[in-house]
Amino acid sequence: MDQCLTETAQAAGRPSWLARAVQAIAEAAAEVRAELSRAAMNRRVLHRLSALSARELRDIGLTPQDVADAGVPGRHDAIALLVGRRDARRRTRGAGARWSSV
């Protein structure tokens, strides 16, 4: 009898296959929603950046070519590309300034 109660208690504490399936579907749906949200954000940012002049883009560390490259279809995360290029230019500019002052 004790063994039966122990097995029943263990089974009750463990999620059923249906609960695990529902959880997996909910997690997949959340990932899809996050990706769609990120894609929409990328489109909005690229649209706004494409309206800026070359001088305005240069002020924030980008070039018109950077914006064009980020807008290529199939690019997973355009914002990450733009931030990476901006940061690379800042590092390069900072390294050049250190050497020129020596």
PDB file of N, CA and C in Angstrom:
ATOM      1  N   MET A   1       0.818  -1.177   0.000  1.00  0.00           N
ATOM      2  CA  MET A   1       0.000   0.000   0.000  1.00  0.00           C
ATOM      3  C   MET A   1       0.872   1.255   0.000  1.00  0.00           C
ATOM      4  N   ASP A   2       1.944   1.260   0.814  1.00  0.00           N
ATOM      5  CA  ASP A   2       2.837   2.423   0.850  1.00  0.00           C
ATOM      6  C   ASP A   2       3.472   2.656  -0.511  1.00  0.00           C
ATOM      7  N   GLN A   3       3.827   1.569  -1.190  1.00  0.00           N
ATOM      8  CA  GLN A   3       4.449   1.696  -2.508  1.00  0.00           C
ATOM      9  C   GLN A   3       3.465   2.330  -3.490  1.00  0.00           C
ATOM     10  N   CYS A   4       2.233   1.966  -3.453  1.00  0.00           N
ATOM     11  CA  CYS A   4       1.206   2.519  -4.324  1.00  0.00           C
ATOM     12  C   CYS A   4       1.035   4.018  -4.075  1.00  0.00           C
ATOM     13  N   LEU A   5       1.013   4.424  -2.816  1.00  0.00           N
ATOM     14  CA  LEU A   5       0.869   5.835  -2.485  1.00  0.00           C
ATOM     15  C   LEU A   5       2.090   6.635  -2.935  1.00  0.00           C
ATOM     16  N   THR A   6       3.268   6.058  -2.803  1.00  0.00           N
ATOM     17  CA  THR A   6       4.492   6.735  -3.215  1.00  0.00           C
ATOM     18  C   THR A   6       4.492   6.953  -4.726  1.00  0.00           C
ATOM     19  N   GLU A   7       4.127   5.931  -5.494  1.00  0.00           N
ATOM     20  CA  GLU A   7       4.090   6.053  -6.953  1.00  0.00           C
ATOM     21  C   GLU A   7       3.047   7.065  -7.387  1.00  0.00           C
ATOM     22  N   THR A   8       1.902   7.089  -6.724  1.00  0.00           N
ATOM     23  CA  THR A   8       0.857   8.054  -7.065  1.00  0.00           C
ATOM     24  C   THR A   8       1.319   9.474  -6.754  1.00  0.00           C
ATOM     25  N   ALA A   9       1.992   9.679  -5.642  1.00  0.00           N
ATOM     26  CA  ALA A   9       2.490  11.004  -5.266  1.00  0.00           C
ATOM     27  C   ALA A   9       3.556  11.474  -6.249  1.00  0.00           C
ATOM     28  N   GLN A  10       4.428  10.562  -6.684  1.00  0.00           N
ATOM     29  CA  GLN A  10       5.461  10.934  -7.647  1.00  0.00           C
ATOM     30  C   GLN A  10       4.837  11.291  -8.989  1.00  0.00           C
ATOM     31  N   ALA A  11       3.830  10.542  -9.422  1.00  0.00           N
ATOM     32  CA  ALA A  11       3.179  10.812 -10.696  1.00  0.00           C
ATOM     33  C   ALA A  11       2.448  12.147 -10.660  1.00  0.00           C
ATOM     34  N   ALA A  12       1.868  12.488  -9.520  1.00  0.00           N
ATOM     35  CA  ALA A  12       1.144  13.756  -9.413  1.00  0.00           C
ATOM     36  C   ALA A  12       2.099  14.939  -9.469  1.00  0.00           C
ATOM     37  N   GLY A  13       3.303  14.809  -8.978  1.00  0.00           N
ATOM     38  CA  GLY A  13       4.274  15.898  -8.980  1.00  0.00           C
ATOM     39  C   GLY A  13       4.964  16.081 -10.318  1.00  0.00           C
ATOM     40  N   ARG A  14       4.859  15.108 -11.192  1.00  0.00           N
ATOM     41  CA  ARG A  14       5.512  15.142 -12.490  1.00  0.00           C
ATOM     42  C   ARG A  14       4.499  15.596 -13.538  1.00  0.00           C
ATOM     43  N   PRO A  15       4.841  16.564 -14.406  1.00  0.00           N
ATOM     44  CA  PRO A  15       3.882  17.015 -15.406  1.00  0.00           C
ATOM     45  C   PRO A  15       3.583  15.915 -16.427  1.00  0.00           C
ATOM     46  N   SER A  16       2.365  15.868 -16.870  1.00  0.00           N
ATOM     47  CA  SER A  16       1.962  14.870 -17.849  1.00  0.00           C
ATOM     48  C   SER A  16       2.532  15.223 -19.217  1.00  0.00           C
ATOM     49  N   TRP A  17       2.455  14.316 -20.130  1.00  0.00           N
ATOM     50  CA  TRP A  17       2.958  14.565 -21.479  1.00  0.00           C
ATOM     51  C   TRP A  17       2.167  15.698 -22.121  1.00  0.00           C
ATOM     52  N   LEU A  18       0.897  15.801 -21.796  1.00  0.00           N
ATOM     53  CA  LEU A  18       0.080  16.874 -22.351  1.00  0.00           C
ATOM     54  C   LEU A  18       0.539  18.236 -21.822  1.00  0.00           C
ATOM     55  N   ALA A  19       0.826  18.313 -20.543  1.00  0.00           N
ATOM     56  CA  ALA A  19       1.307  19.567 -19.957  1.00  0.00           C
ATOM     57  C   ALA A  19       2.653  19.959 -20.551  1.00  0.00           C
ATOM     58  N   ARG A  20       3.526  18.975 -20.773  1.00  0.00           N
ATOM     59  CA  ARG A  20       4.835  19.267 -21.384  1.00  0.00           C
ATOM     60  C   ARG A  20       4.659  19.733 -22.823  1.00  0.00           C
ATOM     61  N   ALA A  21       3.718  19.126 -23.547  1.00  0.00           N
ATOM     62  CA  ALA A  21       3.472  19.521 -24.934  1.00  0.00           C
ATOM     63  C   ALA A  21       2.920  20.949 -24.999  1.00  0.00           C
ATOM     64  N   VAL A  22       1.985  21.252 -24.117  1.00  0.00           N
ATOM     65  CA  VAL A  22       1.420  22.603 -24.077  1.00  0.00           C
ATOM     66  C   VAL A  22       2.510  23.614 -23.740  1.00  0.00           C
ATOM     67  N   GLN A  23       3.374  23.285 -22.806  1.00  0.00           N
ATOM     68  CA  GLN A  23       4.471  24.177 -22.422  1.00  0.00           C
ATOM     69  C   GLN A  23       5.418  24.398 -23.606  1.00  0.00           C
ATOM     70  N   ALA A  24       5.730  23.347 -24.341  1.00  0.00           N
ATOM     71  CA  ALA A  24       6.621  23.470 -25.494  1.00  0.00           C
ATOM     72  C   ALA A  24       5.991  24.344 -26.575  1.00  0.00           C
ATOM     73  N   ILE A  25       4.704  24.195 -26.800  1.00  0.00           N
ATOM     74  CA  ILE A  25       4.014  25.009 -27.801  1.00  0.00           C
ATOM     75  C   ILE A  25       3.995  26.471 -27.362  1.00  0.00           C
ATOM     76  N   ALA A  26       3.740  26.708 -26.086  1.00  0.00           N
ATOM     77  CA  ALA A  26       3.727  28.086 -25.571  1.00  0.00           C
ATOM     78  C   ALA A  26       5.102  28.732 -25.711  1.00  0.00           C
ATOM     79  N   GLU A  27       6.165  27.993 -25.445  1.00  0.00           N
ATOM     80  CA  GLU A  27       7.518  28.535 -25.581  1.00  0.00           C
ATOM     81  C   GLU A  27       7.843  28.843 -27.040  1.00  0.00           C
ATOM     82  N   ALA A  28       7.425  27.954 -27.945  1.00  0.00           N
ATOM     83  CA  ALA A  28       7.667  28.187 -29.368  1.00  0.00           C
ATOM     84  C   ALA A  28       6.903  29.420 -29.848  1.00  0.00           C
ATOM     85  N   ALA A  29       5.667  29.566 -29.397  1.00  0.00           N
ATOM     86  CA  ALA A  29       4.876  30.734 -29.777  1.00  0.00           C
ATOM     87  C   ALA A  29       5.513  32.015 -29.253  1.00  0.00           C
ATOM     88  N   ALA A  30       6.065  31.985 -28.056  1.00  0.00           N
ATOM     89  CA  ALA A  30       6.731  33.160 -27.491  1.00  0.00           C
ATOM     90  C   ALA A  30       7.965  33.524 -28.311  1.00  0.00           C
ATOM     91  N   GLU A  31       8.709  32.538 -28.767  1.00  0.00           N
ATOM     92  CA  GLU A  31       9.891  32.797 -29.599  1.00  0.00           C
ATOM     93  C   GLU A  31       9.491  33.427 -30.924  1.00  0.00           C
ATOM     94  N   VAL A  32       8.440  32.901 -31.552  1.00  0.00           N
ATOM     95  CA  VAL A  32       7.964  33.453 -32.823  1.00  0.00           C
ATOM     96  C   VAL A  32       7.516  34.898 -32.628  1.00  0.00           C
ATOM     97  N   ARG A  33       6.781  35.156 -31.551  1.00  0.00           N
ATOM     98  CA  ARG A  33       6.311  36.511 -31.269  1.00  0.00           C
ATOM     99  C   ARG A  33       7.500  37.450 -31.062  1.00  0.00           C
ATOM    100  N   ALA A  34       8.519  37.003 -30.377  1.00  0.00           N
ATOM    101  CA  ALA A  34       9.701  37.834 -30.146  1.00  0.00           C
ATOM    102  C   ALA A  34      10.430  38.131 -31.449  1.00  0.00           C
ATOM    103  N   GLU A  35      10.544  37.143 -32.315  1.00  0.00           N
ATOM    104  CA  GLU A  35      11.205  37.352 -33.605  1.00  0.00           C
ATOM    105  C   GLU A  35      10.423  38.326 -34.479  1.00  0.00           C
ATOM    106  N   LEU A  36       9.097  38.208 -34.485  1.00  0.00           N
ATOM    107  CA  LEU A  36       8.279  39.131 -35.268  1.00  0.00           C
ATOM    108  C   LEU A  36       8.392  40.549 -34.723  1.00  0.00           C
ATOM    109  N   SER A  37       8.458  40.669 -33.422  1.00  0.00           N
ATOM    110  CA  SER A  37       8.605  41.984 -32.800  1.00  0.00           C
ATOM    111  C   SER A  37       9.950  42.591 -33.162  1.00  0.00           C
ATOM    112  N   ARG A  38      11.002  41.779 -33.116  1.00  0.00           N
ATOM    113  CA  ARG A  38      12.342  42.263 -33.471  1.00  0.00           C
ATOM    114  C   ARG A  38      12.384  42.676 -34.943  1.00  0.00           C
ATOM    115  N   ALA A  39      11.763  41.917 -35.812  1.00  0.00           N
ATOM    116  CA  ALA A  39      11.745  42.260 -37.233  1.00  0.00           C
ATOM    117  C   ALA A  39      11.009  43.577 -37.469  1.00  0.00           C
ATOM    118  N   ALA A  40       9.910  43.785 -36.780  1.00  0.00           N
ATOM    119  CA  ALA A  40       9.168  45.034 -36.920  1.00  0.00           C
ATOM    120  C   ALA A  40      10.005  46.210 -36.423  1.00  0.00           C
ATOM    121  N   MET A  41      10.696  46.034 -35.317  1.00  0.00           N
ATOM    122  CA  MET A  41      11.548  47.087 -34.785  1.00  0.00           C
ATOM    123  C   MET A  41      12.672  47.407 -35.777  1.00  0.00           C
ATOM    124  N   ASN A  42      13.286  46.374 -36.356  1.00  0.00           N
ATOM    125  CA  ASN A  42      14.350  46.587 -37.341  1.00  0.00           C
ATOM    126  C   ASN A  42      13.834  47.399 -38.522  1.00  0.00           C
ATOM    127  N   ARG A  43      12.631  47.062 -39.016  1.00  0.00           N
ATOM    128  CA  ARG A  43      12.071  47.798 -40.156  1.00  0.00           C
ATOM    129  C   ARG A  43      11.849  49.268 -39.802  1.00  0.00           C
ATOM    130  N   ARG A  44      11.316  49.538 -38.611  1.00  0.00           N
ATOM    131  CA  ARG A  44      11.080  50.926 -38.204  1.00  0.00           C
ATOM    132  C   ARG A  44      12.394  51.707 -38.106  1.00  0.00           C
ATOM    133  N   VAL A  45      13.395  51.107 -37.492  1.00  0.00           N
ATOM    134  CA  VAL A  45      14.687  51.784 -37.334  1.00  0.00           C
ATOM    135  C   VAL A  45      15.327  52.034 -38.694  1.00  0.00           C
ATOM    136  N   LEU A  46      15.316  51.040 -39.564  1.00  0.00           N
ATOM    137  CA  LEU A  46      15.917  51.215 -40.894  1.00  0.00           C
ATOM    138  C   LEU A  46      15.171  52.274 -41.698  1.00  0.00           C
ATOM    139  N   HIS A  47      13.856  52.317 -41.558  1.00  0.00           N
ATOM    140  CA  HIS A  47      13.080  53.333 -42.274  1.00  0.00           C
ATOM    141  C   HIS A  47      13.486  54.728 -41.802  1.00  0.00           C
ATOM    142  N   ARG A  48      13.622  54.910 -40.504  1.00  0.00           N
ATOM    143  CA  ARG A  48      14.019  56.221 -39.966  1.00  0.00           C
ATOM    144  C   ARG A  48      15.455  56.576 -40.353  1.00  0.00           C
ATOM    145  N   LEU A  49      16.352  55.591 -40.292  1.00  0.00           N
ATOM    146  CA  LEU A  49      17.744  55.868 -40.655  1.00  0.00           C
ATOM    147  C   LEU A  49      17.887  56.196 -42.137  1.00  0.00           C
ATOM    148  N   SER A  50      17.087  55.564 -42.978  1.00  0.00           N
ATOM    149  CA  SER A  50      17.195  55.816 -44.422  1.00  0.00           C
ATOM    150  C   SER A  50      16.740  57.233 -44.783  1.00  0.00           C
ATOM    151  N   ALA A  51      16.006  57.881 -43.890  1.00  0.00           N
ATOM    152  CA  ALA A  51      15.562  59.253 -44.141  1.00  0.00           C
ATOM    153  C   ALA A  51      16.614  60.281 -43.724  1.00  0.00           C
ATOM    154  N   LEU A  52      17.663  59.863 -43.037  1.00  0.00           N
ATOM    155  CA  LEU A  52      18.702  60.784 -42.577  1.00  0.00           C
ATOM    156  C   LEU A  52      19.705  61.065 -43.696  1.00  0.00           C
ATOM    157  N   SER A  53      20.312  62.242 -43.641  1.00  0.00           N
ATOM    158  CA  SER A  53      21.357  62.596 -44.604  1.00  0.00           C
ATOM    159  C   SER A  53      22.658  61.888 -44.216  1.00  0.00           C
ATOM    160  N   ALA A  54      23.614  61.925 -45.136  1.00  0.00           N
ATOM    161  CA  ALA A  54      24.916  61.308 -44.869  1.00  0.00           C
ATOM    162  C   ALA A  54      25.595  61.981 -43.678  1.00  0.00           C
ATOM    163  N   ARG A  55      25.420  63.292 -43.566  1.00  0.00           N
ATOM    164  CA  ARG A  55      26.030  64.013 -42.445  1.00  0.00           C
ATOM    165  C   ARG A  55      25.399  63.591 -41.111  1.00  0.00           C
ATOM    166  N   GLU A  56      24.074  63.464 -41.087  1.00  0.00           N
ATOM    167  CA  GLU A  56      23.397  63.042 -39.861  1.00  0.00           C
ATOM    168  C   GLU A  56      23.805  61.615 -39.474  1.00  0.00           C
ATOM    169  N   LEU A  57      23.936  60.757 -40.482  1.00  0.00           N
ATOM    170  CA  LEU A  57      24.387  59.392 -40.204  1.00  0.00           C
ATOM    171  C   LEU A  57      25.816  59.396 -39.656  1.00  0.00           C
ATOM    172  N   ARG A  58      26.663  60.232 -40.237  1.00  0.00           N
ATOM    173  CA  ARG A  58      28.052  60.311 -39.779  1.00  0.00           C
ATOM    174  C   ARG A  58      28.106  60.771 -38.319  1.00  0.00           C
ATOM    175  N   ASP A  59      27.184  61.645 -37.933  1.00  0.00           N
ATOM    176  CA  ASP A  59      27.136  62.111 -36.538  1.00  0.00           C
ATOM    177  C   ASP A  59      26.892  60.971 -35.561  1.00  0.00           C
ATOM    178  N   ILE A  60      26.180  59.946 -35.993  1.00  0.00           N
ATOM    179  CA  ILE A  60      25.924  58.808 -35.103  1.00  0.00           C
ATOM    180  C   ILE A  60      26.829  57.624 -35.400  1.00  0.00           C
ATOM    181  N   GLY A  61      27.826  57.849 -36.270  1.00  0.00           N
ATOM    182  CA  GLY A  61      28.837  56.829 -36.514  1.00  0.00           C
ATOM    183  C   GLY A  61      28.492  55.827 -37.598  1.00  0.00           C
ATOM    184  N   LEU A  62      27.570  56.184 -38.485  1.00  0.00           N
ATOM    185  CA  LEU A  62      27.172  55.275 -39.564  1.00  0.00           C
ATOM    186  C   LEU A  62      27.362  55.937 -40.916  1.00  0.00           C
ATOM    187  N   THR A  63      27.259  55.126 -41.973  1.00  0.00           N
ATOM    188  CA  THR A  63      27.300  55.628 -43.336  1.00  0.00           C
ATOM    189  C   THR A  63      26.033  55.174 -44.054  1.00  0.00           C
ATOM    190  N   PRO A  64      25.697  55.811 -45.167  1.00  0.00           N
ATOM    191  CA  PRO A  64      24.543  55.336 -45.938  1.00  0.00           C
ATOM    192  C   PRO A  64      24.697  53.871 -46.377  1.00  0.00           C
ATOM    193  N   GLN A  65      25.936  53.449 -46.628  1.00  0.00           N
ATOM    194  CA  GLN A  65      26.164  52.056 -47.010  1.00  0.00           C
ATOM    195  C   GLN A  65      25.840  51.098 -45.867  1.00  0.00           C
ATOM    196  N   ASP A  66      26.113  51.505 -44.639  1.00  0.00           N
ATOM    197  CA  ASP A  66      25.762  50.674 -43.484  1.00  0.00           C
ATOM    198  C   ASP A  66      24.256  50.429 -43.439  1.00  0.00           C
ATOM    199  N   VAL A  67      23.483  51.489 -43.657  1.00  0.00           N
ATOM    200  CA  VAL A  67      22.027  51.370 -43.640  1.00  0.00           C
ATOM    201  C   VAL A  67      21.560  50.468 -44.777  1.00  0.00           C
ATOM    202  N   ALA A  68      22.169  50.624 -45.954  1.00  0.00           N
ATOM    203  CA  ALA A  68      21.805  49.780 -47.092  1.00  0.00           C
ATOM    204  C   ALA A  68      22.141  48.311 -46.813  1.00  0.00           C
ATOM    205  N   ASP A  69      23.296  48.064 -46.227  1.00  0.00           N
ATOM    206  CA  ASP A  69      23.690  46.686 -45.903  1.00  0.00           C
ATOM    207  C   ASP A  69      22.749  46.068 -44.872  1.00  0.00           C
ATOM    208  N   ALA A  70      22.324  46.857 -43.902  1.00  0.00           N
ATOM    209  CA  ALA A  70      21.429  46.343 -42.861  1.00  0.00           C
ATOM    210  C   ALA A  70      20.051  46.031 -43.421  1.00  0.00           C
ATOM    211  N   GLY A  71      19.677  46.690 -44.507  1.00  0.00           N
ATOM    212  CA  GLY A  71      18.364  46.471 -45.099  1.00  0.00           C
ATOM    213  C   GLY A  71      18.280  45.296 -46.050  1.00  0.00           C
ATOM    214  N   VAL A  72      19.364  44.572 -46.237  1.00  0.00           N
ATOM    215  CA  VAL A  72      19.368  43.413 -47.138  1.00  0.00           C
ATOM    216  C   VAL A  72      18.414  42.350 -46.594  1.00  0.00           C
ATOM    217  N   PRO A  73      17.501  41.862 -47.435  1.00  0.00           N
ATOM    218  CA  PRO A  73      16.573  40.826 -46.961  1.00  0.00           C
ATOM    219  C   PRO A  73      17.322  39.592 -46.469  1.00  0.00           C
ATOM    220  N   GLY A  74      16.796  38.999 -45.417  1.00  0.00           N
ATOM    221  CA  GLY A  74      17.417  37.808 -44.862  1.00  0.00           C
ATOM    222  C   GLY A  74      18.393  38.104 -43.741  1.00  0.00           C
ATOM    223  N   ARG A  75      18.690  39.388 -43.545  1.00  0.00           N
ATOM    224  CA  ARG A  75      19.585  39.773 -42.452  1.00  0.00           C
ATOM    225  C   ARG A  75      18.857  39.477 -41.151  1.00  0.00           C
ATOM    226  N   HIS A  76      19.481  38.726 -40.272  1.00  0.00           N
ATOM    227  CA  HIS A  76      18.809  38.298 -39.041  1.00  0.00           C
ATOM    228  C   HIS A  76      18.545  39.459 -38.099  1.00  0.00           C
ATOM    229  N   ASP A  77      19.555  40.242 -37.816  1.00  0.00           N
ATOM    230  CA  ASP A  77      19.372  41.353 -36.893  1.00  0.00           C
ATOM    231  C   ASP A  77      20.119  42.571 -37.420  1.00  0.00           C
ATOM    232  N   ALA A  78      19.388  43.449 -38.083  1.00  0.00           N
ATOM    233  CA  ALA A  78      19.986  44.632 -38.697  1.00  0.00           C
ATOM    234  C   ALA A  78      20.571  45.567 -37.646  1.00  0.00           C
ATOM    235  N   ILE A  79      19.911  45.660 -36.509  1.00  0.00           N
ATOM    236  CA  ILE A  79      20.380  46.568 -35.466  1.00  0.00           C
ATOM    237  C   ILE A  79      21.751  46.132 -34.953  1.00  0.00           C
ATOM    238  N   ALA A  80      21.934  44.840 -34.783  1.00  0.00           N
ATOM    239  CA  ALA A  80      23.228  44.331 -34.316  1.00  0.00           C
ATOM    240  C   ALA A  80      24.327  44.663 -35.322  1.00  0.00           C
ATOM    241  N   LEU A  81      24.021  44.575 -36.614  1.00  0.00           N
ATOM    242  CA  LEU A  81      24.999  44.926 -37.648  1.00  0.00           C
ATOM    243  C   LEU A  81      25.382  46.396 -37.534  1.00  0.00           C
ATOM    244  N   LEU A  82      24.387  47.269 -37.400  1.00  0.00           N
ATOM    245  CA  LEU A  82      24.665  48.702 -37.324  1.00  0.00           C
ATOM    246  C   LEU A  82      25.452  49.071 -36.071  1.00  0.00           C
ATOM    247  N   VAL A  83      25.081  48.504 -34.961  1.00  0.00           N
ATOM    248  CA  VAL A  83      25.793  48.784 -33.711  1.00  0.00           C
ATOM    249  C   VAL A  83      27.232  48.268 -33.803  1.00  0.00           C
ATOM    250  N   GLY A  84      27.409  47.096 -34.388  1.00  0.00           N
ATOM    251  CA  GLY A  84      28.755  46.541 -34.544  1.00  0.00           C
ATOM    252  C   GLY A  84      29.647  47.415 -35.400  1.00  0.00           C
ATOM    253  N   ARG A  85      29.112  47.911 -36.505  1.00  0.00           N
ATOM    254  CA  ARG A  85      29.918  48.779 -37.369  1.00  0.00           C
ATOM    255  C   ARG A  85      30.244  50.107 -36.690  1.00  0.00           C
ATOM    256  N   ARG A  86      29.257  50.673 -35.998  1.00  0.00           N
ATOM    257  CA  ARG A  86      29.497  51.928 -35.282  1.00  0.00           C
ATOM    258  C   ARG A  86      30.582  51.737 -34.231  1.00  0.00           C
ATOM    259  N   ASP A  87      30.482  50.656 -33.469  1.00  0.00           N
ATOM    260  CA  ASP A  87      31.471  50.402 -32.419  1.00  0.00           C
ATOM    261  C   ASP A  87      32.855  50.148 -33.002  1.00  0.00           C
ATOM    262  N   ALA A  88      32.928  49.461 -34.136  1.00  0.00           N
ATOM    263  CA  ALA A  88      34.221  49.208 -34.778  1.00  0.00           C
ATOM    264  C   ALA A  88      34.864  50.520 -35.205  1.00  0.00           C
ATOM    265  N   ARG A  89      34.066  51.436 -35.749  1.00  0.00           N
ATOM    266  CA  ARG A  89      34.616  52.743 -36.149  1.00  0.00           C
ATOM    267  C   ARG A  89      35.092  53.520 -34.928  1.00  0.00           C
ATOM    268  N   ARG A  90      34.336  53.459 -33.841  1.00  0.00           N
ATOM    269  CA  ARG A  90      34.752  54.170 -32.628  1.00  0.00           C
ATOM    270  C   ARG A  90      36.068  53.625 -32.090  1.00  0.00           C
ATOM    271  N   ARG A  91      36.205  52.296 -32.114  1.00  0.00           N
ATOM    272  CA  ARG A  91      37.466  51.698 -31.637  1.00  0.00           C
ATOM    273  C   ARG A  91      38.617  52.110 -32.537  1.00  0.00           C
ATOM    274  N   THR A  92      38.393  52.100 -33.839  1.00  0.00           N
ATOM    275  CA  THR A  92      39.442  52.471 -34.782  1.00  0.00           C
ATOM    276  C   THR A  92      39.823  53.939 -34.609  1.00  0.00           C
ATOM    277  N   ARG A  93      38.833  54.788 -34.474  1.00  0.00           N
ATOM    278  CA  ARG A  93      39.090  56.220 -34.300  1.00  0.00           C
ATOM    279  C   ARG A  93      39.820  56.472 -32.983  1.00  0.00           C
ATOM    280  N   GLY A  94      39.432  55.753 -31.941  1.00  0.00           N
ATOM    281  CA  GLY A  94      40.106  55.907 -30.644  1.00  0.00           C
ATOM    282  C   GLY A  94      41.556  55.446 -30.694  1.00  0.00           C
ATOM    283  N   ALA A  95      41.823  54.371 -31.396  1.00  0.00           N
ATOM    284  CA  ALA A  95      43.202  53.862 -31.506  1.00  0.00           C
ATOM    285  C   ALA A  95      44.054  54.824 -32.316  1.00  0.00           C
ATOM    286  N   GLY A  96      43.488  55.422 -33.362  1.00  0.00           N
ATOM    287  CA  GLY A  96      44.229  56.380 -34.174  1.00  0.00           C
ATOM    288  C   GLY A  96      44.565  57.623 -33.392  1.00  0.00           C
ATOM    289  N   ALA A  97      43.643  58.064 -32.546  1.00  0.00           N
ATOM    290  CA  ALA A  97      43.883  59.276 -31.756  1.00  0.00           C
ATOM    291  C   ALA A  97      45.012  59.051 -30.751  1.00  0.00           C
ATOM    292  N   ARG A  98      45.070  57.844 -30.175  1.00  0.00           N
ATOM    293  CA  ARG A  98      46.144  57.562 -29.218  1.00  0.00           C
ATOM    294  C   ARG A  98      47.501  57.574 -29.885  1.00  0.00           C
ATOM    295  N   TRP A  99      47.594  57.013 -31.096  1.00  0.00           N
ATOM    296  CA  TRP A  99      48.897  56.950 -31.761  1.00  0.00           C
ATOM    297  C   TRP A  99      49.327  58.302 -32.301  1.00  0.00           C
ATOM    298  N   SER A 100      48.365  59.125 -32.707  1.00  0.00           N
ATOM    299  CA  SER A 100      48.758  60.422 -33.276  1.00  0.00           C
ATOM    300  C   SER A 100      49.267  61.391 -32.207  1.00  0.00           C
ATOM    301  N   SER A 101      48.904  61.162 -30.947  1.00  0.00           N
ATOM    302  CA  SER A 101      49.347  62.074 -29.882  1.00  0.00           C
ATOM    303  C   SER A 101      50.726  61.725 -29.340  1.00  0.00           C
ATOM    304  N   VAL A 102      51.302  60.610 -29.785  1.00  0.00           N
ATOM    305  CA  VAL A 102      52.602  60.171 -29.257  1.00  0.00           C
ATOM    306  C   VAL A 102      53.709  60.948 -29.895  1.00  0.00           C
TER     307      VAL A 102
END
